[in-house]
PDB file of all heavy atoms in Angstrom:
ATOM      1  N   GLU A   1       8.401 -11.469  20.292  1.00  0.00           N
ATOM      2  CA  GLU A   1       8.988 -12.799  19.996  1.00  0.00           C
ATOM      3  C   GLU A   1       8.903 -13.081  18.602  1.00  0.00           C
ATOM      4  O   GLU A   1       8.131 -12.492  17.915  1.00  0.00           O
ATOM      5  CB  GLU A   1       8.192 -13.890  20.883  1.00  0.00           C
ATOM      6  CG  GLU A   1       8.116 -13.849  22.307  1.00  0.00           C
ATOM      7  CD  GLU A   1       9.535 -14.155  22.963  1.00  0.00           C
ATOM      8  OE1 GLU A   1      10.284 -14.723  22.293  1.00  0.00           O
ATOM      9  OE2 GLU A   1       9.805 -13.632  24.102  1.00  0.00           O
ATOM     10  N   TRP A   2       9.810 -13.998  18.155  1.00  0.00           N
ATOM     11  CA  TRP A   2       9.821 -14.357  16.735  1.00  0.00           C
ATOM     12  C   TRP A   2       8.468 -14.911  16.426  1.00  0.00           C
ATOM     13  O   TRP A   2       7.898 -15.796  17.031  1.00  0.00           O
ATOM     14  CB  TRP A   2      10.886 -15.466  16.473  1.00  0.00           C
ATOM     15  CG  TRP A   2      11.235 -15.512  14.983  1.00  0.00           C
ATOM     16  CD1 TRP A   2      12.267 -14.977  14.425  1.00  0.00           C
ATOM     17  CD2 TRP A   2      10.576 -16.284  13.959  1.00  0.00           C
ATOM     18  NE1 TRP A   2      12.264 -15.222  13.021  1.00  0.00           N
ATOM     19  CE2 TRP A   2      11.282 -16.052  12.795  1.00  0.00           C
ATOM     20  CE3 TRP A   2       9.358 -17.039  13.968  1.00  0.00           C
ATOM     21  CZ2 TRP A   2      10.885 -16.603  11.608  1.00  0.00           C
ATOM     22  CZ3 TRP A   2       9.058 -17.560  12.798  1.00  0.00           C
ATOM     23  CH2 TRP A   2       9.736 -17.367  11.637  1.00  0.00           C
ATOM     24  N   GLY A   3       7.922 -14.373  15.354  1.00  0.00           N
ATOM     25  CA  GLY A   3       6.601 -14.775  14.876  1.00  0.00           C
ATOM     26  C   GLY A   3       5.503 -13.709  15.092  1.00  0.00           C
ATOM     27  O   GLY A   3       4.477 -13.790  14.527  1.00  0.00           O
ATOM     28  N   ASP A   4       5.954 -12.678  16.027  1.00  0.00           N
ATOM     29  CA  ASP A   4       5.035 -11.633  16.220  1.00  0.00           C
ATOM     30  C   ASP A   4       5.155 -10.494  15.088  1.00  0.00           C
ATOM     31  O   ASP A   4       6.205 -10.364  14.478  1.00  0.00           O
ATOM     32  CB  ASP A   4       5.274 -10.925  17.582  1.00  0.00           C
ATOM     33  CG  ASP A   4       5.059 -11.776  18.721  1.00  0.00           C
ATOM     34  OD1 ASP A   4       4.323 -12.770  18.512  1.00  0.00           O
ATOM     35  OD2 ASP A   4       5.631 -11.581  19.802  1.00  0.00           O
ATOM     36  N   ASP A   5       3.997  -9.824  14.846  1.00  0.00           N
ATOM     37  CA  ASP A   5       4.178  -8.745  13.861  1.00  0.00           C
ATOM     38  C   ASP A   5       4.530  -7.501  14.658  1.00  0.00           C
ATOM     39  O   ASP A   5       4.463  -7.408  15.921  1.00  0.00           O
ATOM     40  CB  ASP A   5       2.685  -8.467  13.259  1.00  0.00           C
ATOM     41  CG  ASP A   5       2.834  -7.794  11.984  1.00  0.00           C
ATOM     42  OD1 ASP A   5       3.965  -7.436  11.638  1.00  0.00           O
ATOM     43  OD2 ASP A   5       1.764  -7.601  11.372  1.00  0.00           O
ATOM     44  N   PHE A   6       5.125  -6.581  14.033  1.00  0.00           N
ATOM     45  CA  PHE A   6       5.592  -5.405  14.701  1.00  0.00           C
ATOM     46  C   PHE A   6       4.558  -4.264  14.915  1.00  0.00           C
ATOM     47  O   PHE A   6       3.643  -4.148  13.975  1.00  0.00           O
ATOM     48  CB  PHE A   6       6.761  -4.694  13.883  1.00  0.00           C
ATOM     49  CG  PHE A   6       7.973  -5.655  13.762  1.00  0.00           C
ATOM     50  CD1 PHE A   6       8.662  -5.678  12.624  1.00  0.00           C
ATOM     51  CD2 PHE A   6       8.425  -6.239  14.946  1.00  0.00           C
ATOM     52  CE1 PHE A   6       9.740  -6.478  12.580  1.00  0.00           C
ATOM     53  CE2 PHE A   6       9.567  -7.045  14.786  1.00  0.00           C
ATOM     54  CZ  PHE A   6      10.217  -7.186  13.620  1.00  0.00           C
ATOM     55  N   GLY A   7       4.458  -3.664  16.017  1.00  0.00           N
ATOM     56  CA  GLY A   7       3.623  -2.604  16.200  1.00  0.00           C
ATOM     57  C   GLY A   7       4.305  -1.266  16.035  1.00  0.00           C
ATOM     58  O   GLY A   7       5.462  -1.291  15.743  1.00  0.00           O
ATOM     59  N   ALA A   8       3.575  -0.177  16.325  1.00  0.00           N
ATOM     60  CA  ALA A   8       4.117   1.164  16.060  1.00  0.00           C
ATOM     61  C   ALA A   8       5.404   1.484  16.871  1.00  0.00           C
ATOM     62  O   ALA A   8       6.418   1.869  16.286  1.00  0.00           O
ATOM     63  CB  ALA A   8       3.039   2.198  16.369  1.00  0.00           C
ATOM     64  N   PRO A   9       5.479   1.023  18.149  1.00  0.00           N
ATOM     65  CA  PRO A   9       6.664   1.337  18.841  1.00  0.00           C
ATOM     66  C   PRO A   9       7.910   0.525  18.384  1.00  0.00           C
ATOM     67  O   PRO A   9       8.984   1.101  18.327  1.00  0.00           O
ATOM     68  CB  PRO A   9       6.305   0.890  20.361  1.00  0.00           C
ATOM     69  CG  PRO A   9       4.828   0.854  20.408  1.00  0.00           C
ATOM     70  CD  PRO A   9       4.384   0.547  18.980  1.00  0.00           C
ATOM     71  N   HIS A  10       7.635  -0.684  17.802  1.00  0.00           N
ATOM     72  CA  HIS A  10       8.748  -1.443  17.317  1.00  0.00           C
ATOM     73  C   HIS A  10       9.248  -0.911  16.024  1.00  0.00           C
ATOM     74  O   HIS A  10      10.464  -0.687  15.796  1.00  0.00           O
ATOM     75  CB  HIS A  10       8.302  -2.885  17.099  1.00  0.00           C
ATOM     76  CG  HIS A  10       7.632  -3.638  18.195  1.00  0.00           C
ATOM     77  ND1 HIS A  10       6.367  -3.980  18.153  1.00  0.00           N
ATOM     78  CD2 HIS A  10       8.112  -3.805  19.460  1.00  0.00           C
ATOM     79  CE1 HIS A  10       6.012  -4.554  19.388  1.00  0.00           C
ATOM     80  NE2 HIS A  10       7.088  -4.413  20.241  1.00  0.00           N
ATOM     81  N   GLU A  11       8.325  -0.490  15.146  1.00  0.00           N
ATOM     82  CA  GLU A  11       8.719   0.161  13.847  1.00  0.00           C
ATOM     83  C   GLU A  11       9.500   1.408  14.080  1.00  0.00           C
ATOM     84  O   GLU A  11      10.479   1.730  13.481  1.00  0.00           O
ATOM     85  CB  GLU A  11       7.528   0.352  12.937  1.00  0.00           C
ATOM     86  CG  GLU A  11       6.785  -0.926  12.526  1.00  0.00           C
ATOM     87  CD  GLU A  11       5.669  -0.634  11.721  1.00  0.00           C
ATOM     88  OE1 GLU A  11       5.049   0.488  11.718  1.00  0.00           O
ATOM     89  OE2 GLU A  11       5.251  -1.528  10.954  1.00  0.00           O
ATOM     90  N   THR A  12       9.060   2.224  15.108  1.00  0.00           N
ATOM     91  CA  THR A  12       9.590   3.522  15.338  1.00  0.00           C
ATOM     92  C   THR A  12      11.074   3.285  15.876  1.00  0.00           C
ATOM     93  O   THR A  12      11.978   3.966  15.507  1.00  0.00           O
ATOM     94  CB  THR A  12       8.739   4.290  16.345  1.00  0.00           C
ATOM     95  OG1 THR A  12       7.469   4.548  15.820  1.00  0.00           O
ATOM     96  CG2 THR A  12       9.505   5.710  16.725  1.00  0.00           C
ATOM     97  N   ALA A  13      11.296   2.318  16.802  1.00  0.00           N
ATOM     98  CA  ALA A  13      12.588   2.092  17.250  1.00  0.00           C
ATOM     99  C   ALA A  13      13.598   1.702  16.250  1.00  0.00           C
ATOM    100  O   ALA A  13      14.693   2.048  16.236  1.00  0.00           O
ATOM    101  CB  ALA A  13      12.396   0.987  18.292  1.00  0.00           C
ATOM    102  N   ILE A  14      13.120   0.771  15.295  1.00  0.00           N
ATOM    103  CA  ILE A  14      13.967   0.405  14.201  1.00  0.00           C
ATOM    104  C   ILE A  14      14.323   1.528  13.232  1.00  0.00           C
ATOM    105  O   ILE A  14      15.484   1.817  12.858  1.00  0.00           O
ATOM    106  CB  ILE A  14      13.262  -0.693  13.330  1.00  0.00           C
ATOM    107  CG1 ILE A  14      13.188  -1.975  14.351  1.00  0.00           C
ATOM    108  CG2 ILE A  14      14.025  -1.096  12.166  1.00  0.00           C
ATOM    109  CD1 ILE A  14      12.264  -3.082  13.729  1.00  0.00           C
ATOM    110  N   ALA A  15      13.279   2.389  12.894  1.00  0.00           N
ATOM    111  CA  ALA A  15      13.496   3.432  11.961  1.00  0.00           C
ATOM    112  C   ALA A  15      14.451   4.520  12.650  1.00  0.00           C
ATOM    113  O   ALA A  15      15.194   5.111  11.942  1.00  0.00           O
ATOM    114  CB  ALA A  15      12.258   4.104  11.619  1.00  0.00           C
ATOM    115  N   ASN A  16      14.225   4.809  13.962  1.00  0.00           N
ATOM    116  CA  ASN A  16      15.116   5.719  14.665  1.00  0.00           C
ATOM    117  C   ASN A  16      16.570   5.422  14.644  1.00  0.00           C
ATOM    118  O   ASN A  16      17.443   6.185  14.756  1.00  0.00           O
ATOM    119  CB  ASN A  16      14.615   5.959  16.014  1.00  0.00           C
ATOM    120  CG  ASN A  16      13.293   6.795  16.106  1.00  0.00           C
ATOM    121  OD1 ASN A  16      12.914   7.390  15.175  1.00  0.00           O
ATOM    122  ND2 ASN A  16      12.654   6.779  17.247  1.00  0.00           N
ATOM    123  N   HIS A  17      16.800   3.997  14.546  1.00  0.00           N
ATOM    124  CA  HIS A  17      18.165   3.579  14.594  1.00  0.00           C
ATOM    125  C   HIS A  17      18.882   3.974  13.285  1.00  0.00           C
ATOM    126  O   HIS A  17      20.189   4.310  13.276  1.00  0.00           O
ATOM    127  CB  HIS A  17      18.223   2.066  14.669  1.00  0.00           C
ATOM    128  CG  HIS A  17      19.596   1.461  14.659  1.00  0.00           C
ATOM    129  ND1 HIS A  17      20.571   1.627  15.598  1.00  0.00           N
ATOM    130  CD2 HIS A  17      20.150   0.627  13.683  1.00  0.00           C
ATOM    131  CE1 HIS A  17      21.628   1.005  15.218  1.00  0.00           C
ATOM    132  NE2 HIS A  17      21.354   0.364  14.086  1.00  0.00           N
ATOM    133  N   TYR A  18      18.204   4.085  12.242  1.00  0.00           N
ATOM    134  CA  TYR A  18      18.810   4.451  10.874  1.00  0.00           C
ATOM    135  C   TYR A  18      18.513   5.926  10.564  1.00  0.00           C
ATOM    136  O   TYR A  18      19.281   6.466   9.808  1.00  0.00           O
ATOM    137  CB  TYR A  18      18.169   3.602   9.801  1.00  0.00           C
ATOM    138  CG  TYR A  18      18.539   2.118   9.993  1.00  0.00           C
ATOM    139  CD1 TYR A  18      17.678   1.162  10.601  1.00  0.00           C
ATOM    140  CD2 TYR A  18      19.771   1.640   9.487  1.00  0.00           C
ATOM    141  CE1 TYR A  18      18.044  -0.134  10.792  1.00  0.00           C
ATOM    142  CE2 TYR A  18      20.056   0.325   9.582  1.00  0.00           C
ATOM    143  CZ  TYR A  18      19.119  -0.495  10.249  1.00  0.00           C
ATOM    144  OH  TYR A  18      19.552  -1.918  10.427  1.00  0.00           O
ATOM    145  N   ASP A  19      17.478   6.491  11.058  1.00  0.00           N
ATOM    146  CA  ASP A  19      17.060   7.915  10.766  1.00  0.00           C
ATOM    147  C   ASP A  19      16.847   8.027   9.256  1.00  0.00           C
ATOM    148  O   ASP A  19      17.080   9.221   8.680  1.00  0.00           O
ATOM    149  CB  ASP A  19      18.097   8.881  11.320  1.00  0.00           C
ATOM    150  CG  ASP A  19      17.494  10.245  11.433  1.00  0.00           C
ATOM    151  OD1 ASP A  19      16.307  10.366  11.655  1.00  0.00           O
ATOM    152  OD2 ASP A  19      18.242  11.253  11.301  1.00  0.00           O
ATOM    153  N   LEU A  20      16.426   7.041   8.515  1.00  0.00           N
ATOM    154  CA  LEU A  20      16.187   6.968   7.122  1.00  0.00           C
ATOM    155  C   LEU A  20      15.113   5.956   6.872  1.00  0.00           C
ATOM    156  O   LEU A  20      14.885   5.093   7.771  1.00  0.00           O
ATOM    157  CB  LEU A  20      17.423   6.530   6.407  1.00  0.00           C
ATOM    158  CG  LEU A  20      18.630   7.467   6.226  1.00  0.00           C
ATOM    159  CD1 LEU A  20      19.840   6.809   5.674  1.00  0.00           C
ATOM    160  CD2 LEU A  20      18.252   8.631   5.275  1.00  0.00           C
ATOM    161  N   PRO A  21      14.527   6.087   5.604  1.00  0.00           N
ATOM    162  CA  PRO A  21      13.521   4.907   5.374  1.00  0.00           C
ATOM    163  C   PRO A  21      14.297   3.555   5.408  1.00  0.00           C
ATOM    164  O   PRO A  21      15.433   3.542   4.888  1.00  0.00           O
ATOM    165  CB  PRO A  21      12.978   5.288   3.973  1.00  0.00           C
ATOM    166  CG  PRO A  21      13.281   6.715   3.833  1.00  0.00           C
ATOM    167  CD  PRO A  21      14.473   6.988   4.640  1.00  0.00           C
ATOM    168  N   VAL A  22      13.745   2.601   6.035  1.00  0.00           N
ATOM    169  CA  VAL A  22      14.528   1.264   6.143  1.00  0.00           C
ATOM    170  C   VAL A  22      13.550   0.100   5.768  1.00  0.00           C
ATOM    171  O   VAL A  22      12.404   0.106   6.195  1.00  0.00           O
ATOM    172  CB  VAL A  22      14.989   1.075   7.540  1.00  0.00           C
ATOM    173  CG1 VAL A  22      13.858   1.211   8.638  1.00  0.00           C
ATOM    174  CG2 VAL A  22      15.766  -0.308   7.709  1.00  0.00           C
ATOM    175  N   PHE A  23      14.108  -0.813   5.039  1.00  0.00           N
ATOM    176  CA  PHE A  23      13.353  -2.004   4.642  1.00  0.00           C
ATOM    177  C   PHE A  23      13.526  -3.041   5.743  1.00  0.00           C
ATOM    178  O   PHE A  23      14.675  -3.383   6.082  1.00  0.00           O
ATOM    179  CB  PHE A  23      13.866  -2.574   3.230  1.00  0.00           C
ATOM    180  CG  PHE A  23      13.452  -1.861   2.081  1.00  0.00           C
ATOM    181  CD1 PHE A  23      14.346  -1.167   1.340  1.00  0.00           C
ATOM    182  CD2 PHE A  23      12.118  -1.845   1.732  1.00  0.00           C
ATOM    183  CE1 PHE A  23      14.031  -0.544   0.129  1.00  0.00           C
ATOM    184  CE2 PHE A  23      11.720  -1.185   0.541  1.00  0.00           C
ATOM    185  CZ  PHE A  23      12.673  -0.543  -0.177  1.00  0.00           C
ATOM    186  N   ILE A  24      12.393  -3.589   6.248  1.00  0.00           N
ATOM    187  CA  ILE A  24      12.448  -4.825   7.106  1.00  0.00           C
ATOM    188  C   ILE A  24      12.089  -5.964   6.197  1.00  0.00           C
ATOM    189  O   ILE A  24      11.020  -5.885   5.586  1.00  0.00           O
ATOM    190  CB  ILE A  24      11.509  -4.687   8.273  1.00  0.00           C
ATOM    191  CG1 ILE A  24      11.838  -3.454   9.089  1.00  0.00           C
ATOM    192  CG2 ILE A  24      11.648  -5.921   9.177  1.00  0.00           C
ATOM    193  CD1 ILE A  24      10.853  -3.267  10.353  1.00  0.00           C
ATOM    194  N   ILE A  25      12.977  -6.837   5.946  1.00  0.00           N
ATOM    195  CA  ILE A  25      12.720  -7.955   4.873  1.00  0.00           C
ATOM    196  C   ILE A  25      12.491  -9.346   5.541  1.00  0.00           C
ATOM    197  O   ILE A  25      13.004  -9.557   6.656  1.00  0.00           O
ATOM    198  CB  ILE A  25      13.856  -7.966   3.870  1.00  0.00           C
ATOM    199  CG1 ILE A  25      15.269  -8.383   4.525  1.00  0.00           C
ATOM    200  CG2 ILE A  25      14.019  -6.569   3.229  1.00  0.00           C
ATOM    201  CD1 ILE A  25      16.363  -8.562   3.524  1.00  0.00           C
ATOM    202  N   ASN A  26      11.867 -10.155   4.779  1.00  0.00           N
ATOM    203  CA  ASN A  26      11.679 -11.583   5.024  1.00  0.00           C
ATOM    204  C   ASN A  26      11.012 -11.847   6.365  1.00  0.00           C
ATOM    205  O   ASN A  26      11.574 -12.500   7.345  1.00  0.00           O
ATOM    206  CB  ASN A  26      13.113 -12.267   5.094  1.00  0.00           C
ATOM    207  CG  ASN A  26      13.789 -12.162   3.816  1.00  0.00           C
ATOM    208  OD1 ASN A  26      13.159 -11.739   2.724  1.00  0.00           O
ATOM    209  ND2 ASN A  26      15.133 -12.362   3.729  1.00  0.00           N
ATOM    210  N   TYR A  27       9.706 -11.418   6.409  1.00  0.00           N
ATOM    211  CA  TYR A  27       8.892 -11.844   7.607  1.00  0.00           C
ATOM    212  C   TYR A  27       8.436 -13.244   7.603  1.00  0.00           C
ATOM    213  O   TYR A  27       8.507 -13.878   6.667  1.00  0.00           O
ATOM    214  CB  TYR A  27       7.645 -10.871   7.548  1.00  0.00           C
ATOM    215  CG  TYR A  27       7.731  -9.431   7.904  1.00  0.00           C
ATOM    216  CD1 TYR A  27       8.372  -8.584   7.054  1.00  0.00           C
ATOM    217  CD2 TYR A  27       7.232  -8.983   9.059  1.00  0.00           C
ATOM    218  CE1 TYR A  27       8.472  -7.207   7.341  1.00  0.00           C
ATOM    219  CE2 TYR A  27       7.429  -7.628   9.500  1.00  0.00           C
ATOM    220  CZ  TYR A  27       7.983  -6.741   8.551  1.00  0.00           C
ATOM    221  OH  TYR A  27       8.118  -5.470   8.953  1.00  0.00           O
ATOM    222  N   PRO A  28       8.048 -13.715   8.783  1.00  0.00           N
ATOM    223  CA  PRO A  28       7.557 -15.066   8.882  1.00  0.00           C
ATOM    224  C   PRO A  28       6.288 -15.275   8.023  1.00  0.00           C
ATOM    225  O   PRO A  28       5.451 -14.485   7.852  1.00  0.00           O
ATOM    226  CB  PRO A  28       7.133 -15.244  10.379  1.00  0.00           C
ATOM    227  CG  PRO A  28       7.817 -14.146  11.057  1.00  0.00           C
ATOM    228  CD  PRO A  28       8.085 -13.123  10.059  1.00  0.00           C
ATOM    229  N   THR A  29       6.296 -16.479   7.430  1.00  0.00           N
ATOM    230  CA  THR A  29       5.167 -16.826   6.518  1.00  0.00           C
ATOM    231  C   THR A  29       3.782 -16.776   7.227  1.00  0.00           C
ATOM    232  O   THR A  29       2.786 -16.366   6.705  1.00  0.00           O
ATOM    233  CB  THR A  29       5.316 -18.290   6.089  1.00  0.00           C
ATOM    234  OG1 THR A  29       6.616 -18.457   5.465  1.00  0.00           O
ATOM    235  CG2 THR A  29       4.267 -18.688   5.050  1.00  0.00           C
ATOM    236  N   SER A  30       3.765 -16.981   8.522  1.00  0.00           N
ATOM    237  CA  SER A  30       2.543 -17.084   9.194  1.00  0.00           C
ATOM    238  C   SER A  30       1.848 -15.774   9.463  1.00  0.00           C
ATOM    239  O   SER A  30       0.669 -15.818   9.666  1.00  0.00           O
ATOM    240  CB  SER A  30       2.852 -17.743  10.639  1.00  0.00           C
ATOM    241  OG  SER A  30       3.754 -17.006  11.390  1.00  0.00           O
ATOM    242  N   ILE A  31       2.567 -14.716   9.286  1.00  0.00           N
ATOM    243  CA  ILE A  31       1.907 -13.355   9.515  1.00  0.00           C
ATOM    244  C   ILE A  31       1.724 -12.556   8.266  1.00  0.00           C
ATOM    245  O   ILE A  31       1.432 -11.439   8.295  1.00  0.00           O
ATOM    246  CB  ILE A  31       2.671 -12.532  10.608  1.00  0.00           C
ATOM    247  CG1 ILE A  31       4.183 -12.252  10.146  1.00  0.00           C
ATOM    248  CG2 ILE A  31       2.585 -13.285  11.907  1.00  0.00           C
ATOM    249  CD1 ILE A  31       4.821 -11.381  11.051  1.00  0.00           C
ATOM    250  N   LYS A  32       2.016 -13.244   7.092  1.00  0.00           N
ATOM    251  CA  LYS A  32       1.833 -12.502   5.875  1.00  0.00           C
ATOM    252  C   LYS A  32       0.793 -13.164   4.930  1.00  0.00           C
ATOM    253  O   LYS A  32       0.455 -14.279   5.187  1.00  0.00           O
ATOM    254  CB  LYS A  32       3.188 -12.539   5.153  1.00  0.00           C
ATOM    255  CG  LYS A  32       4.288 -11.487   5.788  1.00  0.00           C
ATOM    256  CD  LYS A  32       3.677 -10.087   5.691  1.00  0.00           C
ATOM    257  CE  LYS A  32       4.626  -9.041   6.356  1.00  0.00           C
ATOM    258  NZ  LYS A  32       4.080  -7.720   6.171  1.00  0.00           N
ATOM    259  N   PRO A  33       0.230 -12.515   3.968  1.00  0.00           N
ATOM    260  CA  PRO A  33      -0.718 -13.097   3.107  1.00  0.00           C
ATOM    261  C   PRO A  33      -0.356 -14.309   2.281  1.00  0.00           C
ATOM    262  O   PRO A  33       0.833 -14.521   2.177  1.00  0.00           O
ATOM    263  CB  PRO A  33      -0.988 -11.907   2.224  1.00  0.00           C
ATOM    264  CG  PRO A  33      -0.647 -10.623   2.923  1.00  0.00           C
ATOM    265  CD  PRO A  33       0.577 -11.098   3.665  1.00  0.00           C
ATOM    266  N   PHE A  34      -1.248 -15.017   1.750  1.00  0.00           N
ATOM    267  CA  PHE A  34      -1.072 -16.296   1.189  1.00  0.00           C
ATOM    268  C   PHE A  34      -0.226 -16.187  -0.130  1.00  0.00           C
ATOM    269  O   PHE A  34       0.275 -17.301  -0.464  1.00  0.00           O
ATOM    270  CB  PHE A  34      -2.349 -16.959   0.888  1.00  0.00           C
ATOM    271  CG  PHE A  34      -3.180 -16.280  -0.251  1.00  0.00           C
ATOM    272  CD1 PHE A  34      -3.066 -16.827  -1.520  1.00  0.00           C
ATOM    273  CD2 PHE A  34      -3.926 -15.148  -0.116  1.00  0.00           C
ATOM    274  CE1 PHE A  34      -3.741 -16.190  -2.586  1.00  0.00           C
ATOM    275  CE2 PHE A  34      -4.633 -14.661  -1.183  1.00  0.00           C
ATOM    276  CZ  PHE A  34      -4.494 -15.169  -2.472  1.00  0.00           C
ATOM    277  N   TYR A  35      -0.164 -15.167  -0.784  1.00  0.00           N
ATOM    278  CA  TYR A  35       0.429 -15.109  -2.093  1.00  0.00           C
ATOM    279  C   TYR A  35       1.872 -14.950  -2.206  1.00  0.00           C
ATOM    280  O   TYR A  35       2.523 -14.848  -3.267  1.00  0.00           O
ATOM    281  CB  TYR A  35      -0.318 -14.073  -2.970  1.00  0.00           C
ATOM    282  CG  TYR A  35      -0.352 -12.717  -2.287  1.00  0.00           C
ATOM    283  CD1 TYR A  35       0.772 -11.877  -2.180  1.00  0.00           C
ATOM    284  CD2 TYR A  35      -1.549 -12.214  -1.671  1.00  0.00           C
ATOM    285  CE1 TYR A  35       0.652 -10.696  -1.507  1.00  0.00           C
ATOM    286  CE2 TYR A  35      -1.662 -10.977  -1.119  1.00  0.00           C
ATOM    287  CZ  TYR A  35      -0.507 -10.248  -0.909  1.00  0.00           C
ATOM    288  OH  TYR A  35      -0.519  -9.062  -0.332  1.00  0.00           O
ATOM    289  N   MET A  36       2.598 -14.822  -1.013  1.00  0.00           N
ATOM    290  CA  MET A  36       4.006 -14.360  -0.955  1.00  0.00           C
ATOM    291  C   MET A  36       4.853 -15.565  -1.260  1.00  0.00           C
ATOM    292  O   MET A  36       4.709 -16.708  -0.698  1.00  0.00           O
ATOM    293  CB  MET A  36       4.366 -13.670   0.302  1.00  0.00           C
ATOM    294  CG  MET A  36       3.637 -12.298   0.452  1.00  0.00           C
ATOM    295  SD  MET A  36       4.232 -11.444   1.833  1.00  0.00           S
ATOM    296  CE  MET A  36       3.309  -9.843   1.683  1.00  0.00           C
ATOM    297  N   GLN A  37       5.943 -15.321  -2.068  1.00  0.00           N
ATOM    298  CA  GLN A  37       6.925 -16.328  -2.384  1.00  0.00           C
ATOM    299  C   GLN A  37       7.774 -16.806  -1.176  1.00  0.00           C
ATOM    300  O   GLN A  37       8.261 -15.961  -0.436  1.00  0.00           O
ATOM    301  CB  GLN A  37       7.852 -15.888  -3.554  1.00  0.00           C
ATOM    302  CG  GLN A  37       8.879 -16.806  -4.012  1.00  0.00           C
ATOM    303  CD  GLN A  37       8.366 -17.921  -4.967  1.00  0.00           C
ATOM    304  OE1 GLN A  37       7.240 -17.848  -5.238  1.00  0.00           O
ATOM    305  NE2 GLN A  37       9.196 -18.848  -5.228  1.00  0.00           N
TER     306      GLN A  37
END
């Protein structure tokens, strides 16, 4: 669900779609450290 962090199966599924290193950008504020813009 929106707001959840990704686990290994989720990251693998996304990476397999591209078969390359892929950036996942703009995570929810609630699951990231305090210092992010």
